[in-house]
Amino acid sequence: MAGDLDSVGGAFAEPVFGAQGTFRRIMEAMARPGTLQTLIDLPTPPAPLSPSAGAIALTLCDHDTPVWLDTALTVSEAVGSWLAFHTGAPIVRTSSEAHFVFSSNPAELIALENFAQGSHEYPDRSATIIMQVAGFDAGDSLRLTGPGIRGHADIAPAPLPRHFAEQWKQNRARFPRGVDILLAGPDAVCGLPRSTRINHSNGD
């Protein structure tokens, strides 16, 4: 019974307004990389899926968007049931088949190149990776430049995948192919579209 309740409950308090508001903030986050966009109506999905990642899932995922989950999310039957009930999105085991990727522990995430990269003809057929982070000021400082950024933006999210700056450099080199990232903090989202340049703020 508890498992059934975990699957059914915990969505937006106001589904239409929650999804619309979250969508606007996701779009703003992608248009202005490095800015933190506060999410107002947060759901309460089963752990280890965070409320902000759950809000993104409820907003972007549906039966036409295959989803890949990291190990911690995969082993949670409650997370899989919750996503299936509220979004209808099929969960896939092959990383390259997913439209959306959810990582509850980015430090252990497989390399970005393993996810759908799109093609030169259809760059939109790439994956968007949602990484749950504990915050935006406790990690190594990253300097962002590129489209949508006036001058530069500095963020320090944690945790991030190993060798993230180098992985991102390779990802950007594949432009217009490559993955996009949404960093899902405790109550905010930050976008890293593939067009963004990332360096350590000390210049490395």
Protein backbone atom coordinates (compact mmCIF):
# COMPACT_ATOMS: atom_id res chain seq x y z
CA MET A 1 0.00 0.00 0.00
CA ALA A 2 2.81 2.43 0.88
CA GLY A 3 4.46 1.78 -2.46
CA ASP A 4 1.19 2.50 -4.27
CA LEU A 5 0.82 5.79 -2.41
CA ASP A 6 4.40 6.75 -3.29
CA SER A 7 3.54 6.23 -6.96
CA VAL A 8 0.28 8.16 -6.94
CA GLY A 9 1.11 11.06 -4.63
CA GLY A 10 3.77 13.72 -4.62
CA ALA A 11 3.02 15.53 -7.89
CA PHE A 12 2.47 19.27 -8.34
CA ALA A 13 -0.14 20.73 -6.00
CA GLU A 14 -1.52 22.58 -9.04
CA PRO A 15 -0.53 20.39 -12.02
CA VAL A 16 -1.20 22.86 -14.84
CA PHE A 17 0.27 25.92 -13.13
CA GLY A 18 3.16 23.89 -11.70
CA ALA A 19 4.16 22.54 -15.10
CA GLN A 20 3.74 25.92 -16.83
CA GLY A 21 5.79 27.74 -14.21
CA THR A 22 8.54 25.11 -14.23
CA PHE A 23 8.67 25.14 -18.03
CA ARG A 24 9.17 28.91 -18.09
CA ARG A 25 12.01 28.66 -15.60
CA ILE A 26 13.66 25.81 -17.52
CA MET A 27 13.50 27.85 -20.73
CA GLU A 28 14.95 30.88 -18.94
CA ALA A 29 17.72 28.74 -17.46
CA MET A 30 18.70 27.46 -20.91
CA ALA A 31 18.47 30.94 -22.48
CA ARG A 32 20.62 32.49 -19.72
CA PRO A 33 23.24 29.86 -18.80
CA GLY A 34 24.69 30.20 -15.32
CA THR A 35 21.66 31.94 -13.82
CA LEU A 36 19.69 30.26 -11.05
CA GLN A 37 15.99 30.00 -11.75
CA THR A 38 13.96 29.35 -8.61
CA LEU A 39 11.28 26.66 -8.87
CA ILE A 40 8.12 27.64 -7.04
CA ASP A 41 5.82 24.59 -6.98
CA LEU A 42 7.97 21.63 -6.02
CA PRO A 43 6.60 18.07 -5.98
CA THR A 44 7.62 15.42 -3.46
CA PRO A 45 8.83 12.43 -5.48
CA PRO A 46 10.27 9.32 -3.81
CA ALA A 47 13.93 9.54 -2.82
CA PRO A 48 16.53 9.63 -4.20
CA LEU A 49 14.80 11.66 -6.93
CA SER A 50 14.95 15.26 -5.70
CA PRO A 51 11.99 17.65 -5.73
CA SER A 52 13.58 19.88 -8.39
CA ALA A 53 14.46 16.92 -10.62
CA GLY A 54 10.95 15.61 -10.09
CA ALA A 55 9.53 18.97 -11.20
CA ILE A 56 11.61 18.78 -14.39
CA ALA A 57 10.41 15.24 -15.03
CA LEU A 58 6.76 16.18 -14.56
CA THR A 59 7.21 19.10 -16.95
CA LEU A 60 9.29 17.62 -19.78
CA CYS A 61 8.71 13.87 -19.81
CA ASP A 62 5.86 11.98 -21.43
CA HIS A 63 5.19 8.70 -23.21
CA ASP A 64 7.25 9.82 -26.23
CA THR A 65 10.42 10.64 -24.25
CA PRO A 66 12.49 7.63 -23.18
CA VAL A 67 14.22 8.16 -19.83
CA TRP A 68 17.49 6.71 -18.51
CA LEU A 69 18.10 6.59 -14.75
CA ASP A 70 21.39 6.22 -12.90
CA THR A 71 21.99 3.25 -10.62
CA ALA A 72 20.56 4.74 -7.43
CA LEU A 73 17.37 5.81 -9.19
CA THR A 74 17.07 2.51 -11.07
CA VAL A 75 17.15 0.38 -7.93
CA SER A 76 14.33 2.41 -6.40
CA GLU A 77 11.09 0.78 -7.49
CA ALA A 78 9.21 3.75 -6.07
CA VAL A 79 11.01 6.21 -8.38
CA GLY A 80 10.29 4.10 -11.46
CA SER A 81 6.64 3.70 -10.50
CA TRP A 82 6.26 7.41 -9.75
CA LEU A 83 7.71 8.42 -13.11
CA ALA A 84 5.58 5.85 -14.94
CA PHE A 85 2.37 6.93 -13.21
CA HIS A 86 2.84 10.69 -13.55
CA THR A 87 4.64 10.98 -16.90
CA GLY A 88 4.15 7.71 -18.80
CA ALA A 89 7.76 7.97 -19.95
CA PRO A 90 9.36 4.61 -20.84
CA ILE A 91 12.52 3.83 -18.87
CA VAL A 92 15.34 2.48 -21.03
CA ARG A 93 18.48 0.59 -20.08
CA THR A 94 20.56 1.70 -23.07
CA SER A 95 21.92 5.18 -22.38
CA SER A 96 22.07 6.25 -26.03
CA GLU A 97 18.30 5.69 -26.44
CA ALA A 98 17.23 8.22 -23.82
CA HIS A 99 15.84 11.68 -24.50
CA PHE A 100 16.19 12.60 -20.83
CA VAL A 101 18.76 11.35 -18.33
CA PHE A 102 18.35 11.68 -14.57
CA SER A 103 21.39 11.43 -12.32
CA SER A 104 21.03 11.54 -8.55
CA ASN A 105 24.81 11.19 -8.10
CA PRO A 106 26.62 13.02 -10.92
CA ALA A 107 30.03 12.14 -9.45
CA GLU A 108 29.40 8.54 -10.53
CA LEU A 109 27.72 9.30 -13.86
CA ILE A 110 29.05 7.53 -16.94
CA ALA A 111 30.79 9.71 -19.55
CA LEU A 112 28.67 12.27 -21.41
CA GLU A 113 29.65 10.74 -24.75
CA ASN A 114 27.59 7.65 -23.89
CA PHE A 115 24.32 9.55 -24.27
CA ALA A 116 22.48 10.49 -27.45
CA GLN A 117 24.45 13.16 -29.30
CA GLY A 118 22.02 13.96 -32.10
CA SER A 119 23.21 14.43 -35.67
CA HIS A 120 24.17 17.38 -37.84
CA GLU A 121 20.81 17.02 -39.60
CA TYR A 122 18.86 16.53 -36.36
CA PRO A 123 20.85 18.02 -33.45
CA ASP A 124 17.66 18.08 -31.36
CA ARG A 125 17.78 14.28 -31.16
CA SER A 126 20.29 14.49 -28.36
CA ALA A 127 19.89 13.88 -24.65
CA THR A 128 19.22 16.41 -21.93
CA ILE A 129 20.90 15.34 -18.71
CA ILE A 130 19.33 16.38 -15.41
CA MET A 131 21.98 16.31 -12.68
CA GLN A 132 20.96 16.65 -9.06
CA VAL A 133 23.36 18.94 -7.20
CA ALA A 134 23.51 19.83 -3.53
CA GLY A 135 24.10 23.49 -4.37
CA PHE A 136 25.77 25.95 -6.69
CA ASP A 137 28.57 27.34 -4.52
CA ALA A 138 30.37 24.40 -2.89
CA GLY A 139 32.30 22.92 -5.82
CA ASP A 140 35.11 24.00 -8.11
CA SER A 141 34.36 27.40 -9.60
CA LEU A 142 33.44 27.25 -13.27
CA ARG A 143 33.47 30.27 -15.57
CA LEU A 144 30.81 30.22 -18.27
CA THR A 145 30.90 32.22 -21.49
CA GLY A 146 28.95 32.05 -24.73
CA PRO A 147 25.46 32.75 -26.09
CA GLY A 148 23.04 34.18 -23.54
CA ILE A 149 25.80 35.24 -21.14
CA ARG A 150 26.82 38.88 -20.80
CA GLY A 151 30.55 38.78 -20.17
CA HIS A 152 30.82 35.68 -18.02
CA ALA A 153 29.00 33.83 -15.26
CA ASP A 154 30.63 31.94 -12.38
CA ILE A 155 29.03 28.95 -10.69
CA ALA A 156 30.43 26.24 -8.43
CA PRO A 157 27.94 23.34 -8.44
CA ALA A 158 28.63 20.08 -6.63
CA PRO A 159 28.79 17.24 -7.21
CA LEU A 160 29.72 17.04 -10.89
CA PRO A 161 31.00 14.18 -13.06
CA ARG A 162 34.68 13.38 -12.93
CA HIS A 163 36.84 15.52 -15.23
CA PHE A 164 33.78 17.57 -16.02
CA ALA A 165 35.53 20.56 -17.62
CA GLU A 166 37.39 18.29 -20.04
CA GLN A 167 34.27 16.25 -20.80
CA TRP A 168 32.40 19.46 -21.51
CA LYS A 169 35.15 20.72 -23.80
CA GLN A 170 34.78 17.53 -25.85
CA ASN A 171 31.00 17.88 -25.79
CA ARG A 172 31.14 21.44 -27.10
CA ALA A 173 33.57 20.39 -29.84
CA ARG A 174 30.79 18.20 -31.25
CA PHE A 175 28.47 21.23 -31.72
CA PRO A 176 25.80 21.34 -33.09
CA ARG A 177 25.71 17.79 -31.75
CA GLY A 178 26.19 17.10 -28.06
CA VAL A 179 24.20 16.92 -24.84
CA ASP A 180 22.59 19.72 -22.83
CA ILE A 181 22.55 19.76 -19.03
CA LEU A 182 20.10 21.00 -16.44
CA LEU A 183 21.55 21.28 -12.94
CA ALA A 184 18.78 20.64 -10.43
CA GLY A 185 19.58 22.23 -7.07
CA PRO A 186 17.49 22.09 -3.90
CA ASP A 187 14.99 24.69 -5.18
CA ALA A 188 16.45 26.05 -8.42
CA VAL A 189 17.58 25.00 -11.86
CA CYS A 190 20.62 26.14 -13.86
CA GLY A 191 21.06 25.47 -17.58
CA LEU A 192 24.19 24.43 -19.44
CA PRO A 193 23.34 24.28 -23.15
CA ARG A 194 25.94 22.69 -25.42
CA SER A 195 26.89 26.09 -26.85
CA THR A 196 28.29 27.25 -23.49
CA ARG A 197 32.04 27.39 -22.93
CA ILE A 198 33.19 26.22 -19.51
CA ASN A 199 36.57 26.81 -17.87
CA HIS A 200 37.78 26.82 -14.32
CA SER A 201 37.57 30.44 -13.16
CA ASN A 202 41.32 30.45 -12.50
CA GLY A 203 41.83 29.98 -16.23
CA ASP A 204 42.64 26.24 -16.23
